[in-house]
PDB file of N, CA and C in Angstrom:
ATOM      1  N   MET A   1      26.016 -27.705   7.859  1.00  0.00           N
ATOM      2  CA  MET A   1      26.723 -28.836   8.447  1.00  0.00           C
ATOM      3  C   MET A   1      25.836 -29.471   9.505  1.00  0.00           C
ATOM      4  N   ILE A   2      25.777 -30.785   9.498  1.00  0.00           N
ATOM      5  CA  ILE A   2      24.963 -31.533  10.453  1.00  0.00           C
ATOM      6  C   ILE A   2      25.763 -31.758  11.721  1.00  0.00           C
ATOM      7  N   ASN A   3      25.098 -31.570  12.854  1.00  0.00           N
ATOM      8  CA  ASN A   3      25.718 -31.818  14.150  1.00  0.00           C
ATOM      9  C   ASN A   3      26.104 -33.296  14.222  1.00  0.00           C
ATOM     10  N   GLN A   4      27.369 -33.596  14.439  1.00  0.00           N
ATOM     11  CA  GLN A   4      27.863 -34.971  14.441  1.00  0.00           C
ATOM     12  C   GLN A   4      27.308 -35.797  15.590  1.00  0.00           C
ATOM     13  N   SER A   5      26.775 -35.167  16.635  1.00  0.00           N
ATOM     14  CA  SER A   5      26.231 -35.926  17.754  1.00  0.00           C
ATOM     15  C   SER A   5      24.818 -36.423  17.460  1.00  0.00           C
ATOM     16  N   VAL A   6      24.222 -35.966  16.357  1.00  0.00           N
ATOM     17  CA  VAL A   6      22.882 -36.404  15.973  1.00  0.00           C
ATOM     18  C   VAL A   6      23.021 -37.352  14.787  1.00  0.00           C
ATOM     19  N   PRO A   7      22.463 -38.583  14.899  1.00  0.00           N
ATOM     20  CA  PRO A   7      22.545 -39.510  13.762  1.00  0.00           C
ATOM     21  C   PRO A   7      21.926 -38.887  12.504  1.00  0.00           C
ATOM     22  N   LEU A   8      22.482 -39.228  11.342  1.00  0.00           N
ATOM     23  CA  LEU A   8      22.030 -38.645  10.084  1.00  0.00           C
ATOM     24  C   LEU A   8      20.533 -38.778   9.891  1.00  0.00           C
ATOM     25  N   PHE A   9      19.966 -39.962  10.170  1.00  0.00           N
ATOM     26  CA  PHE A   9      18.524 -40.144   9.987  1.00  0.00           C
ATOM     27  C   PHE A   9      17.738 -39.178  10.860  1.00  0.00           C
ATOM     28  N   GLU A  10      18.186 -38.955  12.063  1.00  0.00           N
ATOM     29  CA  GLU A  10      17.488 -38.045  12.973  1.00  0.00           C
ATOM     30  C   GLU A  10      17.542 -36.607  12.479  1.00  0.00           C
ATOM     31  N   ALA A  11      18.568 -36.246  11.731  1.00  0.00           N
ATOM     32  CA  ALA A  11      18.727 -34.881  11.240  1.00  0.00           C
ATOM     33  C   ALA A  11      18.074 -34.680   9.868  1.00  0.00           C
ATOM     34  N   THR A  12      17.543 -35.750   9.269  1.00  0.00           N
ATOM     35  CA  THR A  12      16.949 -35.685   7.940  1.00  0.00           C
ATOM     36  C   THR A  12      15.518 -35.169   8.033  1.00  0.00           C
ATOM     37  N   PRO A  13      15.145 -34.198   7.187  1.00  0.00           N
ATOM     38  CA  PRO A  13      13.769 -33.680   7.250  1.00  0.00           C
ATOM     39  C   PRO A  13      12.750 -34.747   6.850  1.00  0.00           C
ATOM     40  N   ARG A  14      11.590 -34.680   7.480  1.00  0.00           N
ATOM     41  CA  ARG A  14      10.485 -35.608   7.207  1.00  0.00           C
ATOM     42  C   ARG A  14       9.256 -34.791   6.836  1.00  0.00           C
ATOM     43  N   TYR A  15       8.482 -35.340   5.926  1.00  0.00           N
ATOM     44  CA  TYR A  15       7.338 -34.610   5.391  1.00  0.00           C
ATOM     45  C   TYR A  15       6.067 -35.429   5.478  1.00  0.00           C
ATOM     46  N   VAL A  16       4.948 -34.724   5.638  1.00  0.00           N
ATOM     47  CA  VAL A  16       3.622 -35.340   5.623  1.00  0.00           C
ATOM     48  C   VAL A  16       2.736 -34.512   4.702  1.00  0.00           C
ATOM     49  N   ARG A  17       1.994 -35.235   3.847  1.00  0.00           N
ATOM     50  CA  ARG A  17       0.977 -34.598   3.003  1.00  0.00           C
ATOM     51  C   ARG A  17      -0.334 -35.328   3.299  1.00  0.00           C
ATOM     52  N   VAL A  18      -1.279 -34.628   3.937  1.00  0.00           N
ATOM     53  CA  VAL A  18      -2.561 -35.234   4.277  1.00  0.00           C
ATOM     54  C   VAL A  18      -3.389 -35.372   3.006  1.00  0.00           C
ATOM     55  N   GLY A  19      -3.912 -36.590   2.799  1.00  0.00           N
ATOM     56  CA  GLY A  19      -4.714 -36.859   1.618  1.00  0.00           C
ATOM     57  C   GLY A  19      -6.199 -36.832   1.908  1.00  0.00           C
ATOM     58  N   GLY A  20      -6.564 -37.038   3.167  1.00  0.00           N
ATOM     59  CA  GLY A  20      -7.980 -37.015   3.519  1.00  0.00           C
ATOM     60  C   GLY A  20      -8.217 -37.594   4.897  1.00  0.00           C
ATOM     61  N   ARG A  21      -9.468 -37.524   5.299  1.00  0.00           N
ATOM     62  CA  ARG A  21      -9.899 -38.077   6.585  1.00  0.00           C
ATOM     63  C   ARG A  21     -11.159 -38.894   6.345  1.00  0.00           C
ATOM     64  N   THR A  22     -11.284 -39.996   7.064  1.00  0.00           N
ATOM     65  CA  THR A  22     -12.454 -40.851   6.907  1.00  0.00           C
ATOM     66  C   THR A  22     -13.507 -40.473   7.951  1.00  0.00           C
ATOM     67  N   PRO A  23     -14.764 -40.855   7.710  1.00  0.00           N
ATOM     68  CA  PRO A  23     -15.814 -40.592   8.715  1.00  0.00           C
ATOM     69  C   PRO A  23     -15.539 -41.305  10.041  1.00  0.00           C
ATOM     70  N   GLU A  24     -14.747 -42.367  10.006  1.00  0.00           N
ATOM     71  CA  GLU A  24     -14.435 -43.119  11.225  1.00  0.00           C
ATOM     72  C   GLU A  24     -13.316 -42.484  12.043  1.00  0.00           C
ATOM     73  N   GLY A  25     -12.730 -41.381  11.563  1.00  0.00           N
ATOM     74  CA  GLY A  25     -11.700 -40.681  12.321  1.00  0.00           C
ATOM     75  C   GLY A  25     -10.274 -41.044  11.962  1.00  0.00           C
ATOM     76  N   PHE A  26     -10.067 -41.650  10.795  1.00  0.00           N
ATOM     77  CA  PHE A  26      -8.722 -41.986  10.348  1.00  0.00           C
ATOM     78  C   PHE A  26      -8.177 -40.897   9.426  1.00  0.00           C
ATOM     79  N   VAL A  27      -6.858 -40.689   9.481  1.00  0.00           N
ATOM     80  CA  VAL A  27      -6.186 -39.726   8.613  1.00  0.00           C
ATOM     81  C   VAL A  27      -5.399 -40.512   7.574  1.00  0.00           C
ATOM     82  N   GLN A  28      -5.619 -40.195   6.298  1.00  0.00           N
ATOM     83  CA  GLN A  28      -4.865 -40.800   5.201  1.00  0.00           C
ATOM     84  C   GLN A  28      -3.795 -39.795   4.812  1.00  0.00           C
ATOM     85  N   PHE A  29      -2.538 -40.269   4.736  1.00  0.00           N
ATOM     86  CA  PHE A  29      -1.467 -39.328   4.452  1.00  0.00           C
ATOM     87  C   PHE A  29      -0.273 -40.011   3.804  1.00  0.00           C
ATOM     88  N   ALA A  30       0.572 -39.209   3.176  1.00  0.00           N
ATOM     89  CA  ALA A  30       1.835 -39.671   2.598  1.00  0.00           C
ATOM     90  C   ALA A  30       2.954 -39.186   3.515  1.00  0.00           C
ATOM     91  N   PHE A  31       3.892 -40.082   3.822  1.00  0.00           N
ATOM     92  CA  PHE A  31       5.027 -39.765   4.688  1.00  0.00           C
ATOM     93  C   PHE A  31       6.307 -39.978   3.896  1.00  0.00           C
ATOM     94  N   SER A  32       7.216 -39.018   3.988  1.00  0.00           N
ATOM     95  CA  SER A  32       8.486 -39.154   3.283  1.00  0.00           C
ATOM     96  C   SER A  32       9.639 -38.659   4.145  1.00  0.00           C
ATOM     97  N   VAL A  33      10.806 -39.190   3.842  1.00  0.00           N
ATOM     98  CA  VAL A  33      12.041 -38.794   4.527  1.00  0.00           C
ATOM     99  C   VAL A  33      12.987 -38.252   3.466  1.00  0.00           C
ATOM    100  N   SER A  34      13.422 -37.041   3.631  1.00  0.00           N
ATOM    101  CA  SER A  34      14.383 -36.366   2.769  1.00  0.00           C
ATOM    102  C   SER A  34      13.789 -35.890   1.441  1.00  0.00           C
ATOM    103  N   ASP A  35      13.136 -36.768   0.678  1.00  0.00           N
ATOM    104  CA  ASP A  35      12.606 -36.423  -0.643  1.00  0.00           C
ATOM    105  C   ASP A  35      11.086 -36.540  -0.640  1.00  0.00           C
ATOM    106  N   PRO A  36      10.356 -35.419  -0.672  1.00  0.00           N
ATOM    107  CA  PRO A  36       8.895 -35.469  -0.629  1.00  0.00           C
ATOM    108  C   PRO A  36       8.256 -36.245  -1.783  1.00  0.00           C
ATOM    109  N   GLU A  37       8.981 -36.428  -2.877  1.00  0.00           N
ATOM    110  CA  GLU A  37       8.431 -37.151  -4.029  1.00  0.00           C
ATOM    111  C   GLU A  37       8.464 -38.667  -3.844  1.00  0.00           C
ATOM    112  N   LEU A  38       9.272 -39.152  -2.919  1.00  0.00           N
ATOM    113  CA  LEU A  38       9.374 -40.574  -2.626  1.00  0.00           C
ATOM    114  C   LEU A  38       8.735 -40.805  -1.265  1.00  0.00           C
ATOM    115  N   ASN A  39       7.541 -41.419  -1.258  1.00  0.00           N
ATOM    116  CA  ASN A  39       6.806 -41.523  -0.001  1.00  0.00           C
ATOM    117  C   ASN A  39       6.063 -42.841   0.123  1.00  0.00           C
ATOM    118  N   VAL A  40       5.553 -43.082   1.318  1.00  0.00           N
ATOM    119  CA  VAL A  40       4.678 -44.219   1.584  1.00  0.00           C
ATOM    120  C   VAL A  40       3.347 -43.661   2.031  1.00  0.00           C
ATOM    121  N   GLU A  41       2.277 -44.334   1.650  1.00  0.00           N
ATOM    122  CA  GLU A  41       0.945 -43.902   2.066  1.00  0.00           C
ATOM    123  C   GLU A  41       0.560 -44.675   3.317  1.00  0.00           C
ATOM    124  N   LEU A  42       0.057 -43.943   4.307  1.00  0.00           N
ATOM    125  CA  LEU A  42      -0.318 -44.537   5.587  1.00  0.00           C
ATOM    126  C   LEU A  42      -1.709 -44.067   5.982  1.00  0.00           C
ATOM    127  N   ILE A  43      -2.311 -44.779   6.921  1.00  0.00           N
ATOM    128  CA  ILE A  43      -3.582 -44.368   7.501  1.00  0.00           C
ATOM    129  C   ILE A  43      -3.526 -44.687   8.990  1.00  0.00           C
ATOM    130  N   MET A  44      -3.927 -43.711   9.817  1.00  0.00           N
ATOM    131  CA  MET A  44      -3.875 -43.865  11.272  1.00  0.00           C
ATOM    132  C   MET A  44      -5.058 -43.144  11.898  1.00  0.00           C
ATOM    133  N   PRO A  45      -5.466 -43.578  13.092  1.00  0.00           N
ATOM    134  CA  PRO A  45      -6.461 -42.794  13.829  1.00  0.00           C
ATOM    135  C   PRO A  45      -5.883 -41.412  14.142  1.00  0.00           C
ATOM    136  N   GLU A  46      -6.742 -40.404  14.210  1.00  0.00           N
ATOM    137  CA  GLU A  46      -6.309 -39.018  14.421  1.00  0.00           C
ATOM    138  C   GLU A  46      -5.329 -38.860  15.586  1.00  0.00           C
ATOM    139  N   PRO A  47      -5.612 -39.410  16.788  1.00  0.00           N
ATOM    140  CA  PRO A  47      -4.656 -39.219  17.902  1.00  0.00           C
ATOM    141  C   PRO A  47      -3.283 -39.832  17.604  1.00  0.00           C
ATOM    142  N   MET A  48      -3.252 -40.985  16.952  1.00  0.00           N
ATOM    143  CA  MET A  48      -1.982 -41.621  16.608  1.00  0.00           C
ATOM    144  C   MET A  48      -1.240 -40.797  15.549  1.00  0.00           C
ATOM    145  N   PHE A  49      -1.979 -40.238  14.590  1.00  0.00           N
ATOM    146  CA  PHE A  49      -1.393 -39.387  13.557  1.00  0.00           C
ATOM    147  C   PHE A  49      -0.728 -38.165  14.191  1.00  0.00           C
ATOM    148  N   GLU A  50      -1.428 -37.526  15.127  1.00  0.00           N
ATOM    149  CA  GLU A  50      -0.865 -36.343  15.794  1.00  0.00           C
ATOM    150  C   GLU A  50       0.410 -36.692  16.551  1.00  0.00           C
ATOM    151  N   ALA A  51       0.430 -37.834  17.233  1.00  0.00           N
ATOM    152  CA  ALA A  51       1.630 -38.270  17.964  1.00  0.00           C
ATOM    153  C   ALA A  51       2.757 -38.597  16.979  1.00  0.00           C
ATOM    154  N   PHE A  52       2.438 -39.270  15.878  1.00  0.00           N
ATOM    155  CA  PHE A  52       3.418 -39.615  14.843  1.00  0.00           C
ATOM    156  C   PHE A  52       4.088 -38.355  14.307  1.00  0.00           C
ATOM    157  N   CYS A  53       3.287 -37.348  13.999  1.00  0.00           N
ATOM    158  CA  CYS A  53       3.820 -36.090  13.462  1.00  0.00           C
ATOM    159  C   CYS A  53       4.706 -35.385  14.483  1.00  0.00           C
ATOM    160  N   SER A  54       4.296 -35.415  15.734  1.00  0.00           N
ATOM    161  CA  SER A  54       5.071 -34.767  16.790  1.00  0.00           C
ATOM    162  C   SER A  54       6.415 -35.458  16.994  1.00  0.00           C
ATOM    163  N   VAL A  55       6.414 -36.770  17.088  1.00  0.00           N
ATOM    164  CA  VAL A  55       7.644 -37.531  17.307  1.00  0.00           C
ATOM    165  C   VAL A  55       8.616 -37.360  16.144  1.00  0.00           C
ATOM    166  N   ASN A  56       8.086 -37.290  14.930  1.00  0.00           N
ATOM    167  CA  ASN A  56       8.939 -37.196  13.735  1.00  0.00           C
ATOM    168  C   ASN A  56       9.257 -35.761  13.329  1.00  0.00           C
ATOM    169  N   HIS A  57       8.726 -34.778  14.043  1.00  0.00           N
ATOM    170  CA  HIS A  57       8.984 -33.367  13.736  1.00  0.00           C
ATOM    171  C   HIS A  57       8.767 -33.096  12.242  1.00  0.00           C
ATOM    172  N   VAL A  58       7.596 -33.512  11.743  1.00  0.00           N
ATOM    173  CA  VAL A  58       7.335 -33.426  10.307  1.00  0.00           C
ATOM    174  C   VAL A  58       7.104 -31.989   9.848  1.00  0.00           C
ATOM    175  N   ARG A  59       7.337 -31.804   8.565  1.00  0.00           N
ATOM    176  CA  ARG A  59       6.998 -30.559   7.874  1.00  0.00           C
ATOM    177  C   ARG A  59       5.782 -30.904   7.011  1.00  0.00           C
ATOM    178  N   PHE A  60       4.718 -30.141   7.173  1.00  0.00           N
ATOM    179  CA  PHE A  60       3.504 -30.418   6.415  1.00  0.00           C
ATOM    180  C   PHE A  60       3.598 -29.816   5.019  1.00  0.00           C
ATOM    181  N   LEU A  61       3.243 -30.625   4.031  1.00  0.00           N
ATOM    182  CA  LEU A  61       3.206 -30.185   2.644  1.00  0.00           C
ATOM    183  C   LEU A  61       1.762 -29.856   2.273  1.00  0.00           C
ATOM    184  N   PRO A  62       1.560 -28.954   1.312  1.00  0.00           N
ATOM    185  CA  PRO A  62       0.193 -28.624   0.895  1.00  0.00           C
ATOM    186  C   PRO A  62      -0.444 -29.825   0.184  1.00  0.00           C
ATOM    187  N   PRO A  63      -1.777 -29.890   0.162  1.00  0.00           N
ATOM    188  CA  PRO A  63      -2.444 -30.987  -0.550  1.00  0.00           C
ATOM    189  C   PRO A  63      -2.048 -30.992  -2.020  1.00  0.00           C
ATOM    190  N   GLU A  64      -2.033 -32.181  -2.609  1.00  0.00           N
ATOM    191  CA  GLU A  64      -1.720 -32.279  -4.033  1.00  0.00           C
ATOM    192  C   GLU A  64      -2.872 -31.710  -4.847  1.00  0.00           C
ATOM    193  N   THR A  65      -2.521 -31.066  -5.946  1.00  0.00           N
ATOM    194  CA  THR A  65      -3.543 -30.571  -6.861  1.00  0.00           C
ATOM    195  C   THR A  65      -3.634 -31.548  -8.023  1.00  0.00           C
ATOM    196  N   PRO A  66      -4.849 -31.868  -8.463  1.00  0.00           N
ATOM    197  CA  PRO A  66      -4.984 -32.803  -9.577  1.00  0.00           C
ATOM    198  C   PRO A  66      -4.354 -32.239 -10.859  1.00  0.00           C
ATOM    199  N   VAL A  67      -3.745 -33.113 -11.628  1.00  0.00           N
ATOM    200  CA  VAL A  67      -3.144 -32.724 -12.902  1.00  0.00           C
ATOM    201  C   VAL A  67      -4.224 -32.787 -13.971  1.00  0.00           C
ATOM    202  N   ALA A  68      -4.388 -31.720 -14.746  1.00  0.00           N
ATOM    203  CA  ALA A  68      -5.415 -31.662 -15.789  1.00  0.00           C
ATOM    204  C   ALA A  68      -5.230 -32.796 -16.787  1.00  0.00           C
ATOM    205  N   GLY A  69      -6.339 -33.501 -17.081  1.00  0.00           N
ATOM    206  CA  GLY A  69      -6.298 -34.560 -18.068  1.00  0.00           C
ATOM    207  C   GLY A  69      -5.805 -35.886 -17.555  1.00  0.00           C
ATOM    208  N   GLN A  70      -5.493 -35.983 -16.246  1.00  0.00           N
ATOM    209  CA  GLN A  70      -4.986 -37.237 -15.690  1.00  0.00           C
ATOM    210  C   GLN A  70      -6.095 -37.884 -14.868  1.00  0.00           C
ATOM    211  N   ASP A  71      -6.393 -39.143 -15.164  1.00  0.00           N
ATOM    212  CA  ASP A  71      -7.401 -39.894 -14.410  1.00  0.00           C
ATOM    213  C   ASP A  71      -6.746 -40.698 -13.329  1.00  0.00           C
ATOM    214  N   ASP A  72      -7.467 -40.902 -12.207  1.00  0.00           N
ATOM    215  CA  ASP A  72      -6.950 -41.736 -11.124  1.00  0.00           C
ATOM    216  C   ASP A  72      -7.209 -43.186 -11.389  1.00  0.00           C
TER     217      ASP A  72
END
């Protein structure tokens, strides 16, 4: 049961899957709310990424593994 004093969105789990880092110090990642399969891809400088994750209380997902026979 969700605490009624906390808005539903605030109580919804959030996920981050890091896709990579650039030489310039940016983090590429997928962010999702509630359903890890439905996400948006974002890129942020490392310090901003760390603050974003902290504010959103994210759960980190493992890196995606490539599917055999599938081209990007």
